[in-house]
């Protein structure tokens, strides 16, 4: 690799390389990212979501309800752990109530999902 160095105060500050070498480095970095993602997938650390759950979410069912049922919680159990009324869970699931950020964060932690998995964009 050929590089031209630009100094500032006697120290190398920048390296300038030919565009072909730069593009080759980008390709290698992308390949490395792909390899890391592949290794992570093989390690099995990601949770596999059943197709039925995915289909319900894609069909537009209430996300809290889908995840609650997938995690095998009743509305009462989820409400108790979140420190809210069971009626609130019911209202969140029917869409008659919008949850506050703090309530949704609690529910997300209990259901072991990201907050983004519970709210519409």
C-alpha atoms as a PDB file:
ATOM      1  CA  UNK A   1       0.000   0.000   0.000  1.00  0.00           C
ATOM      2  CA  UNK A   2       1.314   3.406  -0.915  1.00  0.00           C
ATOM      3  CA  UNK A   3       0.387   6.302   1.266  1.00  0.00           C
ATOM      4  CA  UNK A   4       1.304   9.944   1.428  1.00  0.00           C
ATOM      5  CA  UNK A   5       1.383  11.364   4.934  1.00  0.00           C
ATOM      6  CA  UNK A   6       0.459  14.889   5.903  1.00  0.00           C
ATOM      7  CA  UNK A   7       2.000  16.160   9.095  1.00  0.00           C
ATOM      8  CA  UNK A   8       0.826  18.698  11.608  1.00  0.00           C
ATOM      9  CA  UNK A   9       3.203  19.948  14.292  1.00  0.00           C
ATOM     10  CA  UNK A  10       5.699  17.275  13.323  1.00  0.00           C
ATOM     11  CA  UNK A  11       3.216  14.429  13.784  1.00  0.00           C
ATOM     12  CA  UNK A  12       1.482  12.396  11.100  1.00  0.00           C
ATOM     13  CA  UNK A  13      -2.065  13.725  10.975  1.00  0.00           C
ATOM     14  CA  UNK A  14      -3.486  12.289   7.728  1.00  0.00           C
ATOM     15  CA  UNK A  15      -2.738   9.491   5.285  1.00  0.00           C
ATOM     16  CA  UNK A  16      -3.655   9.876   1.616  1.00  0.00           C
ATOM     17  CA  UNK A  17      -3.960   6.691  -0.427  1.00  0.00           C
ATOM     18  CA  UNK A  18      -4.918   5.988  -4.036  1.00  0.00           C
ATOM     19  CA  UNK A  19      -8.653   5.588  -4.616  1.00  0.00           C
ATOM     20  CA  UNK A  20      -8.269   1.964  -5.752  1.00  0.00           C
ATOM     21  CA  UNK A  21      -6.595   1.079  -2.457  1.00  0.00           C
ATOM     22  CA  UNK A  22      -9.252   3.002  -0.525  1.00  0.00           C
ATOM     23  CA  UNK A  23     -12.030   1.078  -2.308  1.00  0.00           C
ATOM     24  CA  UNK A  24     -10.240  -2.215  -1.625  1.00  0.00           C
ATOM     25  CA  UNK A  25     -10.093  -1.316   2.080  1.00  0.00           C
ATOM     26  CA  UNK A  26     -13.821  -0.551   2.058  1.00  0.00           C
ATOM     27  CA  UNK A  27     -14.528  -3.945   0.478  1.00  0.00           C
ATOM     28  CA  UNK A  28     -12.420  -5.690   3.111  1.00  0.00           C
ATOM     29  CA  UNK A  29     -14.144  -3.792   5.925  1.00  0.00           C
ATOM     30  CA  UNK A  30     -17.554  -4.766   4.559  1.00  0.00           C
ATOM     31  CA  UNK A  31     -16.469  -8.395   4.293  1.00  0.00           C
ATOM     32  CA  UNK A  32     -15.241  -8.289   7.889  1.00  0.00           C
ATOM     33  CA  UNK A  33     -18.611  -6.897   9.036  1.00  0.00           C
ATOM     34  CA  UNK A  34     -20.386  -9.671   7.120  1.00  0.00           C
ATOM     35  CA  UNK A  35     -18.147 -12.300   8.712  1.00  0.00           C
ATOM     36  CA  UNK A  36     -18.852 -10.930  12.194  1.00  0.00           C
ATOM     37  CA  UNK A  37     -22.608 -10.981  11.542  1.00  0.00           C
ATOM     38  CA  UNK A  38     -22.356 -14.548  10.239  1.00  0.00           C
ATOM     39  CA  UNK A  39     -20.362 -15.653  13.290  1.00  0.00           C
ATOM     40  CA  UNK A  40     -22.893 -14.013  15.614  1.00  0.00           C
ATOM     41  CA  UNK A  41     -25.744 -15.809  13.858  1.00  0.00           C
ATOM     42  CA  UNK A  42     -23.939 -19.140  14.206  1.00  0.00           C
ATOM     43  CA  UNK A  43     -23.314 -18.479  17.897  1.00  0.00           C
ATOM     44  CA  UNK A  44     -27.075 -18.569  18.411  1.00  0.00           C
ATOM     45  CA  UNK A  45     -27.237 -15.596  20.754  1.00  0.00           C
ATOM     46  CA  UNK A  46     -30.157 -14.039  18.904  1.00  0.00           C
ATOM     47  CA  UNK A  47     -33.642 -15.062  19.890  1.00  0.00           C
ATOM     48  CA  UNK A  48     -35.567 -16.833  17.173  1.00  0.00           C
ATOM     49  CA  UNK A  49     -39.106 -15.502  16.868  1.00  0.00           C
ATOM     50  CA  UNK A  50     -41.764 -18.032  15.839  1.00  0.00           C
ATOM     51  CA  UNK A  51     -43.362 -17.446  12.455  1.00  0.00           C
ATOM     52  CA  UNK A  52     -46.808 -17.162  14.059  1.00  0.00           C
ATOM     53  CA  UNK A  53     -45.620 -14.212  16.156  1.00  0.00           C
ATOM     54  CA  UNK A  54     -44.052 -12.532  13.128  1.00  0.00           C
ATOM     55  CA  UNK A  55     -47.220 -13.048  11.084  1.00  0.00           C
ATOM     56  CA  UNK A  56     -49.375 -11.500  13.832  1.00  0.00           C
ATOM     57  CA  UNK A  57     -47.081  -8.484  14.043  1.00  0.00           C
ATOM     58  CA  UNK A  58     -47.039  -8.082  10.256  1.00  0.00           C
ATOM     59  CA  UNK A  59     -50.834  -8.360  10.189  1.00  0.00           C
ATOM     60  CA  UNK A  60     -51.003  -5.297  12.430  1.00  0.00           C
ATOM     61  CA  UNK A  61     -52.111  -6.899  15.671  1.00  0.00           C
ATOM     62  CA  UNK A  62     -51.367  -4.928  18.804  1.00  0.00           C
ATOM     63  CA  UNK A  63     -47.681  -5.363  19.556  1.00  0.00           C
ATOM     64  CA  UNK A  64     -48.032  -5.406  23.326  1.00  0.00           C
ATOM     65  CA  UNK A  65     -50.678  -8.119  23.123  1.00  0.00           C
ATOM     66  CA  UNK A  66     -48.678 -10.248  20.686  1.00  0.00           C
ATOM     67  CA  UNK A  67     -45.503 -10.073  22.782  1.00  0.00           C
ATOM     68  CA  UNK A  68     -47.408 -10.540  26.048  1.00  0.00           C
ATOM     69  CA  UNK A  69     -49.052 -13.696  24.759  1.00  0.00           C
ATOM     70  CA  UNK A  70     -45.779 -14.947  23.257  1.00  0.00           C
ATOM     71  CA  UNK A  71     -44.102 -14.522  26.656  1.00  0.00           C
ATOM     72  CA  UNK A  72     -47.081 -16.300  28.273  1.00  0.00           C
ATOM     73  CA  UNK A  73     -48.185 -13.429  30.493  1.00  0.00           C
ATOM     74  CA  UNK A  74     -51.773 -12.660  31.361  1.00  0.00           C
ATOM     75  CA  UNK A  75     -52.806  -9.022  31.362  1.00  0.00           C
ATOM     76  CA  UNK A  76     -52.942  -9.194  35.155  1.00  0.00           C
ATOM     77  CA  UNK A  77     -49.431 -10.631  35.474  1.00  0.00           C
ATOM     78  CA  UNK A  78     -47.965  -8.020  33.142  1.00  0.00           C
ATOM     79  CA  UNK A  79     -49.801  -5.219  34.926  1.00  0.00           C
ATOM     80  CA  UNK A  80     -48.599  -6.375  38.344  1.00  0.00           C
ATOM     81  CA  UNK A  81     -44.973  -6.529  37.236  1.00  0.00           C
ATOM     82  CA  UNK A  82     -45.245  -3.116  35.555  1.00  0.00           C
ATOM     83  CA  UNK A  83     -46.948  -1.582  38.589  1.00  0.00           C
ATOM     84  CA  UNK A  84     -50.036  -0.499  36.658  1.00  0.00           C
ATOM     85  CA  UNK A  85     -53.686  -1.522  36.547  1.00  0.00           C
ATOM     86  CA  UNK A  86     -54.798  -4.497  34.469  1.00  0.00           C
ATOM     87  CA  UNK A  87     -57.322  -2.193  32.810  1.00  0.00           C
ATOM     88  CA  UNK A  88     -54.428  -0.085  31.537  1.00  0.00           C
ATOM     89  CA  UNK A  89     -52.930  -3.108  29.783  1.00  0.00           C
ATOM     90  CA  UNK A  90     -56.314  -3.847  28.244  1.00  0.00           C
ATOM     91  CA  UNK A  91     -56.659  -0.258  27.038  1.00  0.00           C
ATOM     92  CA  UNK A  92     -53.141  -0.263  25.603  1.00  0.00           C
ATOM     93  CA  UNK A  93     -53.901  -3.473  23.745  1.00  0.00           C
ATOM     94  CA  UNK A  94     -57.183  -2.208  22.303  1.00  0.00           C
ATOM     95  CA  UNK A  95     -55.668   1.133  21.368  1.00  0.00           C
ATOM     96  CA  UNK A  96     -58.052   3.155  23.522  1.00  0.00           C
ATOM     97  CA  UNK A  97     -55.122   4.428  25.541  1.00  0.00           C
ATOM     98  CA  UNK A  98     -51.624   5.566  24.656  1.00  0.00           C
ATOM     99  CA  UNK A  99     -48.951   4.550  27.117  1.00  0.00           C
ATOM    100  CA  UNK A 100     -46.488   6.970  28.612  1.00  0.00           C
ATOM    101  CA  UNK A 101     -42.847   6.469  27.786  1.00  0.00           C
ATOM    102  CA  UNK A 102     -42.083   5.251  31.306  1.00  0.00           C
ATOM    103  CA  UNK A 103     -44.887   2.656  31.221  1.00  0.00           C
ATOM    104  CA  UNK A 104     -43.892   1.426  27.765  1.00  0.00           C
ATOM    105  CA  UNK A 105     -40.257   1.124  28.888  1.00  0.00           C
ATOM    106  CA  UNK A 106     -41.325  -1.010  31.866  1.00  0.00           C
ATOM    107  CA  UNK A 107     -43.443  -3.232  29.633  1.00  0.00           C
ATOM    108  CA  UNK A 108     -40.592  -3.605  27.146  1.00  0.00           C
ATOM    109  CA  UNK A 109     -38.195  -4.728  29.885  1.00  0.00           C
ATOM    110  CA  UNK A 110     -40.704  -7.232  31.274  1.00  0.00           C
ATOM    111  CA  UNK A 111     -41.456  -8.645  27.813  1.00  0.00           C
ATOM    112  CA  UNK A 112     -37.718  -8.683  26.945  1.00  0.00           C
ATOM    113  CA  UNK A 113     -38.099  -6.608  23.793  1.00  0.00           C
ATOM    114  CA  UNK A 114     -36.764  -3.262  22.631  1.00  0.00           C
ATOM    115  CA  UNK A 115     -39.036  -0.277  23.124  1.00  0.00           C
ATOM    116  CA  UNK A 116     -39.125   0.046  19.324  1.00  0.00           C
ATOM    117  CA  UNK A 117     -40.763  -3.390  19.186  1.00  0.00           C
ATOM    118  CA  UNK A 118     -43.799  -2.035  21.045  1.00  0.00           C
ATOM    119  CA  UNK A 119     -44.460   1.293  19.363  1.00  0.00           C
ATOM    120  CA  UNK A 120     -45.459   2.200  15.839  1.00  0.00           C
ATOM    121  CA  UNK A 121     -43.094   4.412  13.906  1.00  0.00           C
END
